[in-house]
N, C-alpha and C. Protein backbone atom coordinates (compact mmCIF):
# COMPACT_ATOMS: atom_id res chain seq x y z
N MET A 1 36.99 -106.97 -80.72
CA MET A 1 35.95 -107.61 -81.50
C MET A 1 36.50 -107.99 -82.88
N ASN A 2 37.32 -107.11 -83.45
CA ASN A 2 37.86 -107.42 -84.78
C ASN A 2 38.67 -108.72 -84.79
N HIS A 3 39.46 -108.93 -83.74
CA HIS A 3 40.24 -110.17 -83.67
C HIS A 3 39.31 -111.39 -83.64
N ILE A 4 38.25 -111.31 -82.89
CA ILE A 4 37.31 -112.43 -82.80
C ILE A 4 36.62 -112.65 -84.15
N TRP A 5 36.17 -111.55 -84.78
CA TRP A 5 35.52 -111.69 -86.08
C TRP A 5 36.50 -112.25 -87.12
N ASN A 6 37.73 -111.78 -87.09
CA ASN A 6 38.71 -112.19 -88.10
C ASN A 6 39.25 -113.60 -87.89
N HIS A 7 39.38 -114.03 -86.63
CA HIS A 7 40.04 -115.30 -86.34
C HIS A 7 39.11 -116.35 -85.73
N GLY A 8 37.90 -115.96 -85.39
CA GLY A 8 36.95 -116.92 -84.82
C GLY A 8 37.16 -117.13 -83.32
N GLU A 9 36.52 -118.15 -82.83
CA GLU A 9 36.52 -118.49 -81.41
C GLU A 9 37.94 -118.64 -80.88
N MET A 10 38.20 -118.07 -79.69
CA MET A 10 39.53 -118.18 -79.09
C MET A 10 39.50 -117.91 -77.60
N SER A 11 40.56 -118.35 -76.94
CA SER A 11 40.74 -118.08 -75.50
C SER A 11 41.34 -116.69 -75.34
N ILE A 12 41.36 -116.22 -74.12
CA ILE A 12 41.95 -114.91 -73.85
C ILE A 12 43.45 -114.94 -74.13
N ARG A 13 44.12 -116.03 -73.80
CA ARG A 13 45.56 -116.15 -74.10
C ARG A 13 45.82 -116.11 -75.61
N GLU A 14 44.98 -116.79 -76.37
CA GLU A 14 45.11 -116.75 -77.82
C GLU A 14 44.87 -115.34 -78.35
N LEU A 15 43.89 -114.67 -77.77
CA LEU A 15 43.60 -113.29 -78.15
C LEU A 15 44.81 -112.40 -77.88
N GLN A 16 45.44 -112.59 -76.75
CA GLN A 16 46.60 -111.78 -76.36
C GLN A 16 47.72 -111.87 -77.41
N THR A 17 47.92 -113.05 -77.98
CA THR A 17 49.02 -113.23 -78.94
C THR A 17 48.79 -112.44 -80.23
N LEU A 18 47.57 -112.02 -80.50
CA LEU A 18 47.27 -111.29 -81.73
C LEU A 18 47.64 -109.81 -81.65
N TYR A 19 47.93 -109.32 -80.46
CA TYR A 19 48.29 -107.92 -80.27
C TYR A 19 49.79 -107.71 -80.50
N ASP A 20 50.12 -106.55 -81.05
CA ASP A 20 51.52 -106.15 -81.18
C ASP A 20 52.10 -105.86 -79.82
N GLU A 21 53.41 -105.87 -79.74
CA GLU A 21 54.11 -105.49 -78.51
C GLU A 21 53.98 -103.99 -78.30
N PRO A 22 53.81 -103.53 -77.12
CA PRO A 22 53.63 -104.31 -75.90
C PRO A 22 52.19 -104.85 -75.83
N GLN A 23 52.07 -106.14 -75.63
CA GLN A 23 50.76 -106.77 -75.56
C GLN A 23 50.04 -106.35 -74.28
N PRO A 24 48.70 -106.21 -74.38
CA PRO A 24 47.96 -105.90 -73.16
C PRO A 24 48.08 -107.05 -72.16
N HIS A 25 48.04 -106.71 -70.88
CA HIS A 25 48.11 -107.71 -69.82
C HIS A 25 46.88 -108.62 -69.90
N ILE A 26 47.05 -109.85 -69.53
CA ILE A 26 45.97 -110.84 -69.58
C ILE A 26 44.77 -110.40 -68.75
N ASN A 27 45.01 -109.74 -67.61
CA ASN A 27 43.90 -109.26 -66.77
C ASN A 27 43.12 -108.16 -67.47
N THR A 28 43.83 -107.31 -68.20
CA THR A 28 43.17 -106.24 -68.96
C THR A 28 42.25 -106.85 -70.01
N LEU A 29 42.76 -107.84 -70.74
CA LEU A 29 41.93 -108.50 -71.76
C LEU A 29 40.76 -109.24 -71.13
N SER A 30 40.98 -109.87 -69.99
CA SER A 30 39.88 -110.56 -69.29
C SER A 30 38.77 -109.59 -68.93
N THR A 31 39.15 -108.44 -68.45
CA THR A 31 38.16 -107.42 -68.09
C THR A 31 37.41 -106.95 -69.33
N LEU A 32 38.13 -106.67 -70.40
CA LEU A 32 37.51 -106.21 -71.63
C LEU A 32 36.54 -107.27 -72.18
N VAL A 33 36.96 -108.52 -72.20
CA VAL A 33 36.12 -109.60 -72.70
C VAL A 33 34.88 -109.75 -71.82
N ARG A 34 35.06 -109.65 -70.51
CA ARG A 34 33.91 -109.77 -69.59
C ARG A 34 32.90 -108.66 -69.86
N ILE A 35 33.38 -107.43 -70.06
CA ILE A 35 32.48 -106.30 -70.34
C ILE A 35 31.73 -106.53 -71.65
N LEU A 36 32.47 -106.96 -72.68
CA LEU A 36 31.83 -107.22 -73.98
C LEU A 36 30.80 -108.35 -73.87
N GLU A 37 31.09 -109.32 -73.02
CA GLU A 37 30.13 -110.41 -72.82
C GLU A 37 28.89 -109.92 -72.07
N GLU A 38 29.09 -109.09 -71.05
CA GLU A 38 27.96 -108.55 -70.29
C GLU A 38 27.05 -107.71 -71.18
N LYS A 39 27.64 -107.04 -72.17
CA LYS A 39 26.85 -106.22 -73.09
C LYS A 39 26.21 -107.05 -74.20
N GLY A 40 26.54 -108.34 -74.24
CA GLY A 40 25.93 -109.22 -75.23
C GLY A 40 26.68 -109.32 -76.54
N PHE A 41 27.86 -108.71 -76.63
CA PHE A 41 28.63 -108.74 -77.87
C PHE A 41 29.41 -110.04 -78.04
N LEU A 42 29.84 -110.63 -76.94
CA LEU A 42 30.56 -111.89 -76.94
C LEU A 42 29.81 -112.92 -76.13
N ALA A 43 30.10 -114.19 -76.40
CA ALA A 43 29.59 -115.30 -75.59
C ALA A 43 30.76 -116.29 -75.45
N HIS A 44 30.59 -117.28 -74.60
CA HIS A 44 31.68 -118.24 -74.40
C HIS A 44 31.15 -119.66 -74.26
N ARG A 45 32.08 -120.60 -74.40
CA ARG A 45 31.80 -122.00 -74.10
C ARG A 45 32.97 -122.52 -73.30
N ALA A 46 32.68 -123.39 -72.36
CA ALA A 46 33.73 -123.98 -71.52
C ALA A 46 34.45 -125.07 -72.30
N VAL A 47 35.79 -125.06 -72.22
CA VAL A 47 36.59 -126.13 -72.82
C VAL A 47 37.22 -127.00 -71.74
N SER A 48 37.25 -126.49 -70.52
CA SER A 48 37.66 -127.26 -69.34
C SER A 48 37.09 -126.52 -68.13
N THR A 49 37.44 -126.97 -66.94
CA THR A 49 36.85 -126.36 -65.74
C THR A 49 37.24 -124.90 -65.57
N ARG A 50 38.41 -124.49 -66.08
CA ARG A 50 38.84 -123.10 -65.92
C ARG A 50 39.24 -122.43 -67.23
N SER A 51 38.83 -122.99 -68.33
CA SER A 51 39.22 -122.45 -69.62
C SER A 51 37.99 -122.26 -70.51
N TYR A 52 37.94 -121.11 -71.16
CA TYR A 52 36.81 -120.76 -72.02
C TYR A 52 37.30 -120.30 -73.38
N LYS A 53 36.45 -120.52 -74.36
CA LYS A 53 36.66 -119.98 -75.70
C LYS A 53 35.55 -118.95 -75.91
N TYR A 54 35.94 -117.80 -76.41
CA TYR A 54 35.00 -116.71 -76.63
C TYR A 54 34.72 -116.55 -78.12
N PHE A 55 33.49 -116.17 -78.43
CA PHE A 55 33.10 -116.00 -79.83
C PHE A 55 32.13 -114.83 -79.94
N ALA A 56 32.07 -114.28 -81.14
CA ALA A 56 31.18 -113.13 -81.39
C ALA A 56 29.73 -113.58 -81.26
N ASN A 57 28.97 -112.76 -80.58
CA ASN A 57 27.55 -113.02 -80.40
C ASN A 57 26.71 -112.09 -81.28
N VAL A 58 27.39 -111.16 -81.96
CA VAL A 58 26.73 -110.22 -82.87
C VAL A 58 27.60 -110.05 -84.11
N SER A 59 26.98 -109.64 -85.19
CA SER A 59 27.72 -109.36 -86.41
C SER A 59 28.40 -107.99 -86.30
N ARG A 60 29.33 -107.73 -87.21
CA ARG A 60 29.98 -106.41 -87.24
C ARG A 60 28.95 -105.30 -87.41
N ASP A 61 27.99 -105.51 -88.31
CA ASP A 61 26.98 -104.48 -88.56
C ASP A 61 26.12 -104.20 -87.33
N ASP A 62 25.71 -105.27 -86.64
CA ASP A 62 24.93 -105.08 -85.41
C ASP A 62 25.75 -104.35 -84.35
N TYR A 63 27.03 -104.71 -84.24
CA TYR A 63 27.92 -104.08 -83.27
C TYR A 63 28.06 -102.59 -83.57
N ARG A 64 28.30 -102.26 -84.84
CA ARG A 64 28.42 -100.85 -85.24
C ARG A 64 27.16 -100.08 -84.90
N SER A 65 26.04 -100.66 -85.26
CA SER A 65 24.76 -99.99 -85.04
C SER A 65 24.51 -99.76 -83.55
N ARG A 66 24.71 -100.80 -82.74
CA ARG A 66 24.47 -100.67 -81.30
C ARG A 66 25.46 -99.70 -80.66
N SER A 67 26.71 -99.73 -81.12
CA SER A 67 27.72 -98.84 -80.56
C SER A 67 27.42 -97.40 -80.92
N LEU A 68 27.07 -97.15 -82.18
CA LEU A 68 26.75 -95.80 -82.62
C LEU A 68 25.53 -95.26 -81.88
N THR A 69 24.52 -96.11 -81.75
CA THR A 69 23.32 -95.68 -81.02
C THR A 69 23.67 -95.31 -79.58
N GLY A 70 24.51 -96.11 -78.94
CA GLY A 70 24.92 -95.81 -77.56
C GLY A 70 25.66 -94.50 -77.45
N VAL A 71 26.56 -94.23 -78.36
CA VAL A 71 27.32 -92.97 -78.35
C VAL A 71 26.38 -91.78 -78.55
N ILE A 72 25.49 -91.90 -79.52
CA ILE A 72 24.57 -90.79 -79.79
C ILE A 72 23.61 -90.59 -78.62
N ASP A 73 23.13 -91.67 -78.03
CA ASP A 73 22.25 -91.55 -76.87
C ASP A 73 22.95 -90.84 -75.72
N LYS A 74 24.18 -91.27 -75.42
CA LYS A 74 24.89 -90.73 -74.26
C LYS A 74 25.47 -89.34 -74.48
N LEU A 75 26.09 -89.13 -75.62
CA LEU A 75 26.81 -87.87 -75.84
C LEU A 75 25.98 -86.77 -76.49
N PHE A 76 24.92 -87.16 -77.20
CA PHE A 76 24.13 -86.17 -77.93
C PHE A 76 22.67 -86.18 -77.52
N GLY A 77 22.37 -86.78 -76.37
CA GLY A 77 20.99 -86.79 -75.87
C GLY A 77 20.00 -87.40 -76.85
N LYS A 78 20.43 -88.47 -77.53
CA LYS A 78 19.61 -89.19 -78.52
C LYS A 78 19.31 -88.35 -79.76
N SER A 79 20.10 -87.31 -79.99
CA SER A 79 19.88 -86.44 -81.14
C SER A 79 20.87 -86.76 -82.27
N TYR A 80 20.36 -87.45 -83.29
CA TYR A 80 21.20 -87.74 -84.45
C TYR A 80 21.54 -86.44 -85.19
N LEU A 81 20.59 -85.50 -85.19
CA LEU A 81 20.85 -84.20 -85.80
C LEU A 81 21.99 -83.49 -85.08
N GLY A 82 22.02 -83.59 -83.75
CA GLY A 82 23.11 -82.99 -82.97
C GLY A 82 24.45 -83.62 -83.32
N ALA A 83 24.46 -84.93 -83.53
CA ALA A 83 25.70 -85.60 -83.89
C ALA A 83 26.19 -85.15 -85.25
N VAL A 84 25.29 -85.09 -86.23
CA VAL A 84 25.66 -84.65 -87.58
C VAL A 84 26.09 -83.18 -87.55
N SER A 85 25.39 -82.37 -86.80
CA SER A 85 25.74 -80.95 -86.68
C SER A 85 27.16 -80.79 -86.13
N THR A 86 27.51 -81.60 -85.14
CA THR A 86 28.86 -81.56 -84.58
C THR A 86 29.89 -81.96 -85.62
N LEU A 87 29.60 -82.99 -86.40
CA LEU A 87 30.53 -83.41 -87.45
C LEU A 87 30.75 -82.30 -88.48
N VAL A 88 29.69 -81.58 -88.81
CA VAL A 88 29.80 -80.49 -89.78
C VAL A 88 30.57 -79.32 -89.16
N SER A 89 30.21 -78.94 -87.95
CA SER A 89 30.86 -77.78 -87.33
C SER A 89 32.34 -78.02 -87.05
N GLU A 90 32.72 -79.27 -86.82
CA GLU A 90 34.13 -79.59 -86.58
C GLU A 90 34.84 -79.99 -87.88
N GLU A 91 34.14 -79.78 -89.00
CA GLU A 91 34.67 -80.05 -90.34
C GLU A 91 35.15 -81.48 -90.53
N LYS A 92 34.44 -82.44 -89.89
CA LYS A 92 34.71 -83.86 -90.08
C LYS A 92 33.97 -84.38 -91.31
N ILE A 93 32.92 -83.65 -91.71
CA ILE A 93 32.16 -83.96 -92.92
C ILE A 93 31.75 -82.62 -93.53
N SER A 94 31.82 -82.53 -94.83
CA SER A 94 31.50 -81.26 -95.50
C SER A 94 30.02 -81.21 -95.88
N ILE A 95 29.56 -80.00 -96.17
CA ILE A 95 28.19 -79.81 -96.63
C ILE A 95 27.97 -80.57 -97.94
N ASP A 96 28.98 -80.53 -98.82
CA ASP A 96 28.87 -81.26 -100.09
C ASP A 96 28.73 -82.76 -99.86
N GLU A 97 29.47 -83.31 -98.89
CA GLU A 97 29.35 -84.73 -98.57
C GLU A 97 27.96 -85.05 -98.03
N LEU A 98 27.41 -84.15 -97.22
CA LEU A 98 26.05 -84.35 -96.70
C LEU A 98 25.03 -84.33 -97.84
N LYS A 99 25.20 -83.39 -98.77
CA LYS A 99 24.29 -83.32 -99.91
C LYS A 99 24.37 -84.60 -100.74
N GLU A 100 25.58 -85.10 -100.95
CA GLU A 100 25.76 -86.36 -101.69
C GLU A 100 25.08 -87.51 -100.95
N LEU A 101 25.21 -87.55 -99.65
CA LEU A 101 24.57 -88.59 -98.86
C LEU A 101 23.05 -88.52 -99.01
N ILE A 102 22.51 -87.33 -98.95
CA ILE A 102 21.05 -87.14 -99.11
C ILE A 102 20.61 -87.62 -100.50
N ARG A 103 21.39 -87.28 -101.54
CA ARG A 103 21.07 -87.74 -102.89
C ARG A 103 21.08 -89.26 -102.97
N GLN A 104 22.06 -89.89 -102.34
CA GLN A 104 22.14 -91.34 -102.34
C GLN A 104 20.94 -91.97 -101.65
N ILE A 105 20.57 -91.40 -100.52
CA ILE A 105 19.43 -91.93 -99.76
C ILE A 105 18.13 -91.75 -100.53
N GLU A 106 17.96 -90.58 -101.13
CA GLU A 106 16.75 -90.33 -101.89
C GLU A 106 16.66 -91.21 -103.14
N GLY A 107 17.82 -91.61 -103.67
CA GLY A 107 17.85 -92.48 -104.83
C GLY A 107 17.53 -93.93 -104.54
N GLU A 108 17.59 -94.32 -103.28
CA GLU A 108 17.33 -95.73 -102.91
C GLU A 108 15.88 -96.09 -102.95
């Protein structure tokens, strides 16, 4: 998604050239693009009978939000508190950082 957002509309072959070596196989990218399109993140337009250009169908913020919601729904049973609790217990975020976040939110 970042390549599409950063470089705009492109074919799968053009997308492949943006990856460092070893580049992913064209079939791998085709599968990934198809999945992202099925989920509504990408869309395409035909440029010839067998060639397509793909473009972002959602903004970065929408993508982040939908992706985060999906992870929390699947892995934490739709519990945002469970997700935050895991971050704290695994020391990915400190209590002080949480308190600062709460202060920021309350200040808005």
